[in-house]
């Protein structure tokens, strides 16, 4: 990986989730995983061990991996080893999101969300 410099003039992000990555510069590997069990209930009464992750096969499935790409030849010519960014503005980085200014050799992300809704029906 080339030794480059990333210069960012202005970066504004309101919130970064715990499984998200903000990377300024080059990196070898980024791995992020986010497993979410979102429950919405009327009335909003919840019990501590009511929804164990183990009860949902989605969270124990192996991570699907893409097929390796066909080999190809590439030639690059960088006249300047500096990545210049004027301004980036983002509201939120969530659920294994990555905002990177630079290059990366290997990026592995995995987000799994199970939504459960127990809502009252409207009377006819």
N, C-alpha and C. Protein backbone atom coordinates (compact mmCIF):
# COMPACT_ATOMS: atom_id res chain seq x y z
N UNK A 1 0.86 -1.18 0.00
CA UNK A 1 0.00 0.00 0.00
C UNK A 1 0.90 1.23 0.00
N UNK A 2 0.53 2.20 -0.78
CA UNK A 2 1.34 3.40 -0.91
C UNK A 2 1.22 4.27 0.33
N UNK A 3 2.29 5.00 0.63
CA UNK A 3 2.25 5.92 1.76
C UNK A 3 1.73 7.26 1.32
N UNK A 4 0.43 7.48 1.49
CA UNK A 4 -0.18 8.73 1.06
C UNK A 4 -0.61 9.53 2.27
N UNK A 5 -0.88 10.79 2.02
CA UNK A 5 -1.37 11.70 3.05
C UNK A 5 -2.79 12.09 2.70
N UNK A 6 -3.67 12.07 3.70
CA UNK A 6 -5.06 12.51 3.51
C UNK A 6 -5.24 13.83 4.25
N UNK A 7 -5.63 14.87 3.51
CA UNK A 7 -5.87 16.18 4.10
C UNK A 7 -7.35 16.50 3.97
N UNK A 8 -8.01 16.74 5.11
CA UNK A 8 -9.43 17.04 5.13
C UNK A 8 -9.60 18.43 5.73
N UNK A 9 -10.21 19.32 4.96
CA UNK A 9 -10.40 20.70 5.43
C UNK A 9 -11.52 20.79 6.47
N UNK A 10 -12.64 20.11 6.21
CA UNK A 10 -13.79 20.19 7.11
C UNK A 10 -14.53 18.86 7.13
N UNK A 11 -14.78 18.35 8.33
CA UNK A 11 -15.51 17.09 8.49
C UNK A 11 -16.53 17.28 9.61
N UNK A 12 -17.81 17.08 9.29
CA UNK A 12 -18.87 17.21 10.28
C UNK A 12 -19.69 15.94 10.28
N UNK A 13 -19.73 15.27 11.43
CA UNK A 13 -20.56 14.09 11.61
C UNK A 13 -21.27 14.25 12.95
N UNK A 14 -22.59 14.09 12.94
CA UNK A 14 -23.36 14.28 14.16
C UNK A 14 -23.21 13.07 15.09
N UNK A 15 -23.26 11.86 14.53
CA UNK A 15 -23.23 10.67 15.37
C UNK A 15 -22.55 9.52 14.64
N UNK A 16 -21.72 8.77 15.37
CA UNK A 16 -21.09 7.57 14.84
C UNK A 16 -21.47 6.41 15.74
N UNK A 17 -22.13 5.40 15.16
CA UNK A 17 -22.54 4.21 15.89
C UNK A 17 -21.31 3.42 16.33
N UNK A 18 -21.46 2.61 17.36
CA UNK A 18 -20.32 1.88 17.89
C UNK A 18 -19.73 0.85 16.92
N UNK A 19 -20.48 0.43 15.92
CA UNK A 19 -19.95 -0.54 14.95
C UNK A 19 -19.53 0.12 13.65
N UNK A 20 -19.48 1.42 13.61
CA UNK A 20 -19.09 2.14 12.40
C UNK A 20 -17.66 2.63 12.51
N UNK A 21 -17.08 2.97 11.37
CA UNK A 21 -15.68 3.36 11.32
C UNK A 21 -15.53 4.66 10.56
N UNK A 22 -14.79 5.59 11.13
CA UNK A 22 -14.34 6.80 10.44
C UNK A 22 -12.83 6.67 10.32
N UNK A 23 -12.34 6.55 9.10
CA UNK A 23 -10.92 6.32 8.86
C UNK A 23 -10.40 7.40 7.94
N UNK A 24 -9.45 8.18 8.43
CA UNK A 24 -8.79 9.17 7.59
C UNK A 24 -7.37 8.68 7.38
N UNK A 25 -7.11 8.26 6.16
CA UNK A 25 -5.82 7.67 5.84
C UNK A 25 -6.00 6.25 5.33
N UNK A 26 -4.89 5.65 4.92
CA UNK A 26 -4.92 4.30 4.39
C UNK A 26 -4.96 3.29 5.54
N UNK A 27 -5.52 2.12 5.26
CA UNK A 27 -5.53 1.05 6.26
C UNK A 27 -5.46 -0.29 5.54
N UNK A 28 -5.04 -1.30 6.24
CA UNK A 28 -4.95 -2.63 5.65
C UNK A 28 -6.31 -3.34 5.70
N UNK A 29 -6.92 -3.37 6.88
CA UNK A 29 -8.14 -4.15 7.08
C UNK A 29 -9.12 -3.38 7.95
N UNK A 30 -10.39 -3.42 7.57
CA UNK A 30 -11.47 -2.89 8.40
C UNK A 30 -12.51 -3.99 8.51
N UNK A 31 -12.86 -4.36 9.74
CA UNK A 31 -13.93 -5.33 9.97
C UNK A 31 -14.95 -4.70 10.90
N UNK A 32 -16.21 -4.80 10.53
CA UNK A 32 -17.28 -4.26 11.37
C UNK A 32 -18.48 -5.18 11.28
N UNK A 33 -19.11 -5.42 12.41
CA UNK A 33 -20.32 -6.26 12.43
C UNK A 33 -21.34 -5.60 13.35
N UNK A 34 -22.59 -5.71 12.96
CA UNK A 34 -23.67 -5.15 13.76
C UNK A 34 -24.86 -6.10 13.69
N UNK A 35 -25.25 -6.63 14.84
CA UNK A 35 -26.43 -7.49 14.93
C UNK A 35 -27.46 -6.74 15.77
N UNK A 36 -28.64 -6.53 15.18
CA UNK A 36 -29.67 -5.71 15.83
C UNK A 36 -30.96 -6.50 15.93
N UNK A 37 -31.51 -6.53 17.12
CA UNK A 37 -32.83 -7.09 17.35
C UNK A 37 -33.71 -5.94 17.80
N UNK A 38 -34.55 -5.44 16.89
CA UNK A 38 -35.36 -4.25 17.16
C UNK A 38 -36.79 -4.69 17.45
N UNK A 39 -37.27 -4.37 18.64
CA UNK A 39 -38.62 -4.77 19.05
C UNK A 39 -39.45 -3.53 19.31
N UNK A 40 -40.61 -3.51 18.69
CA UNK A 40 -41.57 -2.42 18.90
C UNK A 40 -42.86 -3.07 19.40
N UNK A 41 -43.37 -2.59 20.53
CA UNK A 41 -44.53 -3.22 21.14
C UNK A 41 -45.48 -2.17 21.70
N UNK A 42 -46.78 -2.47 21.56
CA UNK A 42 -47.82 -1.66 22.19
C UNK A 42 -48.57 -2.56 23.18
N UNK A 43 -48.62 -2.26 24.44
CA UNK A 43 -47.90 -1.20 25.13
C UNK A 43 -46.41 -1.54 25.26
N UNK A 44 -45.60 -0.57 25.51
CA UNK A 44 -44.14 -0.73 25.54
C UNK A 44 -43.68 -1.34 26.86
N UNK A 45 -43.93 -2.64 27.02
CA UNK A 45 -43.50 -3.38 28.20
C UNK A 45 -42.58 -4.49 27.71
N UNK A 46 -41.38 -4.55 28.26
CA UNK A 46 -40.39 -5.52 27.82
C UNK A 46 -39.81 -6.24 29.03
N UNK A 47 -39.40 -7.49 28.82
CA UNK A 47 -38.81 -8.30 29.88
C UNK A 47 -37.37 -8.61 29.50
N UNK A 48 -36.52 -8.74 30.51
CA UNK A 48 -35.07 -8.79 30.30
C UNK A 48 -34.61 -9.86 29.31
N UNK A 49 -35.02 -11.08 29.44
CA UNK A 49 -34.51 -12.16 28.58
C UNK A 49 -35.57 -12.67 27.61
N UNK A 50 -36.45 -11.80 27.19
CA UNK A 50 -37.58 -12.17 26.35
C UNK A 50 -37.19 -12.51 24.91
N UNK A 51 -36.16 -11.88 24.38
CA UNK A 51 -35.77 -12.06 22.98
C UNK A 51 -34.28 -12.41 22.89
N UNK A 52 -33.90 -13.65 23.18
CA UNK A 52 -32.47 -14.02 23.08
C UNK A 52 -32.04 -14.14 21.61
N UNK A 53 -30.84 -13.68 21.32
CA UNK A 53 -30.31 -13.77 19.96
C UNK A 53 -30.31 -15.22 19.46
N UNK A 54 -30.04 -16.17 20.36
CA UNK A 54 -29.96 -17.58 19.97
C UNK A 54 -31.27 -18.10 19.39
N UNK A 55 -32.38 -17.46 19.67
CA UNK A 55 -33.68 -17.90 19.17
C UNK A 55 -33.90 -17.54 17.70
N UNK A 56 -33.01 -16.77 17.12
CA UNK A 56 -33.17 -16.29 15.75
C UNK A 56 -31.99 -16.76 14.90
N UNK A 57 -32.23 -17.72 13.98
CA UNK A 57 -31.14 -18.28 13.17
C UNK A 57 -30.37 -17.24 12.37
N UNK A 58 -30.99 -16.13 12.06
CA UNK A 58 -30.33 -15.07 11.28
C UNK A 58 -28.98 -14.69 11.88
N UNK A 59 -28.89 -14.69 13.21
CA UNK A 59 -27.67 -14.21 13.88
C UNK A 59 -26.58 -15.27 13.99
N UNK A 60 -26.89 -16.52 13.67
CA UNK A 60 -25.87 -17.57 13.76
C UNK A 60 -25.46 -18.11 12.38
N UNK A 61 -26.05 -17.61 11.32
CA UNK A 61 -25.66 -18.03 9.98
C UNK A 61 -24.24 -17.58 9.67
N UNK A 62 -23.48 -18.37 8.91
CA UNK A 62 -22.13 -17.92 8.55
C UNK A 62 -22.20 -16.69 7.65
N UNK A 63 -21.18 -15.89 7.73
CA UNK A 63 -21.11 -14.69 6.91
C UNK A 63 -20.91 -15.09 5.45
N UNK A 64 -21.79 -14.64 4.56
CA UNK A 64 -21.60 -14.98 3.14
C UNK A 64 -20.40 -14.22 2.58
N UNK A 65 -19.57 -14.94 1.89
CA UNK A 65 -18.38 -14.32 1.30
C UNK A 65 -18.53 -14.27 -0.21
N UNK A 66 -18.12 -13.18 -0.82
CA UNK A 66 -18.22 -13.07 -2.28
C UNK A 66 -17.21 -13.99 -2.97
N UNK A 67 -17.50 -14.29 -4.20
CA UNK A 67 -16.55 -15.06 -5.01
C UNK A 67 -15.31 -14.21 -5.24
N UNK A 68 -14.13 -14.83 -5.24
CA UNK A 68 -12.92 -14.04 -5.53
C UNK A 68 -13.02 -13.45 -6.94
N UNK A 69 -12.54 -12.24 -7.11
CA UNK A 69 -12.63 -11.61 -8.44
C UNK A 69 -11.66 -12.27 -9.43
N UNK A 70 -11.98 -12.10 -10.69
CA UNK A 70 -11.07 -12.55 -11.74
C UNK A 70 -9.79 -11.73 -11.64
N UNK A 71 -8.63 -12.35 -11.80
CA UNK A 71 -7.39 -11.57 -11.75
C UNK A 71 -7.34 -10.57 -12.91
N UNK A 72 -6.77 -9.42 -12.63
CA UNK A 72 -6.63 -8.41 -13.68
C UNK A 72 -5.37 -7.60 -13.41
N UNK A 73 -4.86 -7.01 -14.47
CA UNK A 73 -3.67 -6.15 -14.38
C UNK A 73 -4.14 -4.71 -14.31
N UNK A 74 -3.49 -3.95 -13.45
CA UNK A 74 -3.83 -2.53 -13.33
C UNK A 74 -2.53 -1.75 -13.14
N UNK A 75 -2.49 -0.61 -13.78
CA UNK A 75 -1.36 0.29 -13.63
C UNK A 75 -1.91 1.65 -13.21
N UNK A 76 -1.38 2.18 -12.13
CA UNK A 76 -1.82 3.49 -11.67
C UNK A 76 -0.64 4.45 -11.64
N UNK A 77 -0.95 5.69 -11.84
CA UNK A 77 0.07 6.74 -11.78
C UNK A 77 -0.50 7.89 -10.96
N UNK A 78 0.04 8.07 -9.77
CA UNK A 78 -0.43 9.15 -8.91
C UNK A 78 0.62 10.26 -8.93
N UNK A 79 0.25 11.36 -9.53
CA UNK A 79 1.19 12.47 -9.62
C UNK A 79 1.40 13.14 -8.27
N UNK A 80 0.42 12.99 -7.39
CA UNK A 80 0.49 13.63 -6.07
C UNK A 80 0.05 12.59 -5.04
N UNK A 81 0.83 12.35 -4.02
CA UNK A 81 0.50 11.37 -3.00
C UNK A 81 -0.41 11.92 -1.91
N UNK A 82 -1.12 12.99 -2.20
CA UNK A 82 -2.01 13.59 -1.22
C UNK A 82 -3.45 13.48 -1.69
N UNK A 83 -4.31 12.99 -0.81
CA UNK A 83 -5.75 12.98 -1.06
C UNK A 83 -6.29 14.24 -0.40
N UNK A 84 -6.89 15.11 -1.20
CA UNK A 84 -7.40 16.38 -0.67
C UNK A 84 -8.93 16.36 -0.69
N UNK A 85 -9.52 16.65 0.46
CA UNK A 85 -10.98 16.70 0.59
C UNK A 85 -11.34 18.06 1.15
N UNK A 86 -12.25 18.75 0.48
CA UNK A 86 -12.67 20.07 0.95
C UNK A 86 -13.61 19.94 2.14
N UNK A 87 -14.75 19.27 1.93
CA UNK A 87 -15.72 19.21 3.02
C UNK A 87 -16.55 17.93 2.93
N UNK A 88 -16.78 17.30 4.09
CA UNK A 88 -17.69 16.16 4.20
C UNK A 88 -18.64 16.46 5.34
N UNK A 89 -19.93 16.23 5.08
CA UNK A 89 -20.94 16.41 6.11
C UNK A 89 -21.84 15.18 6.10
N UNK A 90 -21.99 14.53 7.25
CA UNK A 90 -22.83 13.34 7.35
C UNK A 90 -23.62 13.42 8.65
N UNK A 91 -24.86 13.00 8.59
CA UNK A 91 -25.69 12.99 9.80
C UNK A 91 -25.26 11.88 10.74
N UNK A 92 -25.18 10.66 10.21
CA UNK A 92 -24.89 9.51 11.08
C UNK A 92 -24.19 8.41 10.29
N UNK A 93 -23.28 7.74 10.95
CA UNK A 93 -22.68 6.50 10.45
C UNK A 93 -23.22 5.41 11.36
N UNK A 94 -23.97 4.47 10.81
CA UNK A 94 -24.60 3.45 11.64
C UNK A 94 -24.56 2.09 10.97
N UNK A 95 -24.72 1.07 11.80
CA UNK A 95 -24.86 -0.32 11.34
C UNK A 95 -23.73 -0.74 10.40
N UNK A 96 -22.52 -0.73 10.90
CA UNK A 96 -21.34 -1.17 10.15
C UNK A 96 -21.01 -0.29 8.96
N UNK A 97 -21.28 0.98 9.04
CA UNK A 97 -20.94 1.91 7.96
C UNK A 97 -19.47 2.31 8.07
N UNK A 98 -18.86 2.60 6.94
CA UNK A 98 -17.47 3.05 6.91
C UNK A 98 -17.39 4.31 6.07
N UNK A 99 -16.78 5.35 6.62
CA UNK A 99 -16.44 6.54 5.86
C UNK A 99 -14.92 6.60 5.89
N UNK A 100 -14.30 6.37 4.75
CA UNK A 100 -12.84 6.34 4.69
C UNK A 100 -12.34 7.28 3.62
N UNK A 101 -11.35 8.06 3.99
CA UNK A 101 -10.66 8.93 3.05
C UNK A 101 -9.26 8.35 2.94
N UNK A 102 -9.08 7.50 1.95
CA UNK A 102 -7.84 6.77 1.80
C UNK A 102 -8.14 5.44 1.13
N UNK A 103 -7.17 4.55 1.13
CA UNK A 103 -7.39 3.25 0.49
C UNK A 103 -7.39 2.14 1.53
N UNK A 104 -7.88 0.98 1.11
CA UNK A 104 -8.04 -0.14 2.02
C UNK A 104 -7.81 -1.43 1.24
N UNK A 105 -7.09 -2.37 1.82
CA UNK A 105 -6.86 -3.65 1.16
C UNK A 105 -8.03 -4.61 1.35
N UNK A 106 -8.62 -4.64 2.54
CA UNK A 106 -9.67 -5.61 2.83
C UNK A 106 -10.73 -4.96 3.71
N UNK A 107 -11.96 -5.00 3.25
CA UNK A 107 -13.08 -4.39 3.98
C UNK A 107 -14.16 -5.45 4.16
N UNK A 108 -14.48 -5.80 5.42
CA UNK A 108 -15.48 -6.82 5.72
C UNK A 108 -16.53 -6.21 6.64
N UNK A 109 -17.76 -6.17 6.17
CA UNK A 109 -18.86 -5.59 6.96
C UNK A 109 -20.00 -6.60 7.01
N UNK A 110 -20.75 -6.58 8.10
CA UNK A 110 -21.85 -7.53 8.25
C UNK A 110 -22.91 -6.90 9.14
N UNK A 111 -24.06 -6.58 8.59
CA UNK A 111 -25.16 -6.03 9.38
C UNK A 111 -26.35 -6.95 9.24
N UNK A 112 -26.91 -7.35 10.37
CA UNK A 112 -28.10 -8.21 10.37
C UNK A 112 -29.12 -7.58 11.31
N UNK A 113 -30.33 -7.40 10.80
CA UNK A 113 -31.38 -6.74 11.58
C UNK A 113 -32.64 -7.60 11.55
N UNK A 114 -33.19 -7.87 12.72
CA UNK A 114 -34.47 -8.56 12.84
C UNK A 114 -35.43 -7.59 13.51
N UNK A 115 -36.50 -7.23 12.80
CA UNK A 115 -37.53 -6.34 13.35
C UNK A 115 -38.71 -7.17 13.82
N UNK A 116 -39.15 -6.92 15.05
CA UNK A 116 -40.31 -7.59 15.62
C UNK A 116 -41.28 -6.51 16.05
N UNK A 117 -42.52 -6.65 15.60
CA UNK A 117 -43.54 -5.66 15.97
C UNK A 117 -44.74 -6.37 16.57
N UNK A 118 -45.07 -6.00 17.79
CA UNK A 118 -46.29 -6.47 18.46
C UNK A 118 -47.16 -5.25 18.64
N UNK A 119 -48.02 -4.99 17.66
CA UNK A 119 -48.83 -3.78 17.67
C UNK A 119 -50.30 -4.13 17.86
N UNK A 120 -51.00 -3.24 18.54
CA UNK A 120 -52.43 -3.42 18.73
C UNK A 120 -53.15 -3.16 17.42
N UNK A 121 -54.17 -3.93 17.17
CA UNK A 121 -54.97 -3.71 15.96
C UNK A 121 -56.03 -2.65 16.24
N UNK A 122 -56.30 -1.87 15.21
CA UNK A 122 -57.37 -0.88 15.34
C UNK A 122 -58.71 -1.59 15.30
N UNK A 123 -59.64 -1.11 16.11
CA UNK A 123 -60.98 -1.70 16.12
C UNK A 123 -61.73 -1.26 14.87
N UNK A 124 -62.48 -2.22 14.23
CA UNK A 124 -63.20 -1.85 13.00
C UNK A 124 -64.34 -0.90 13.27
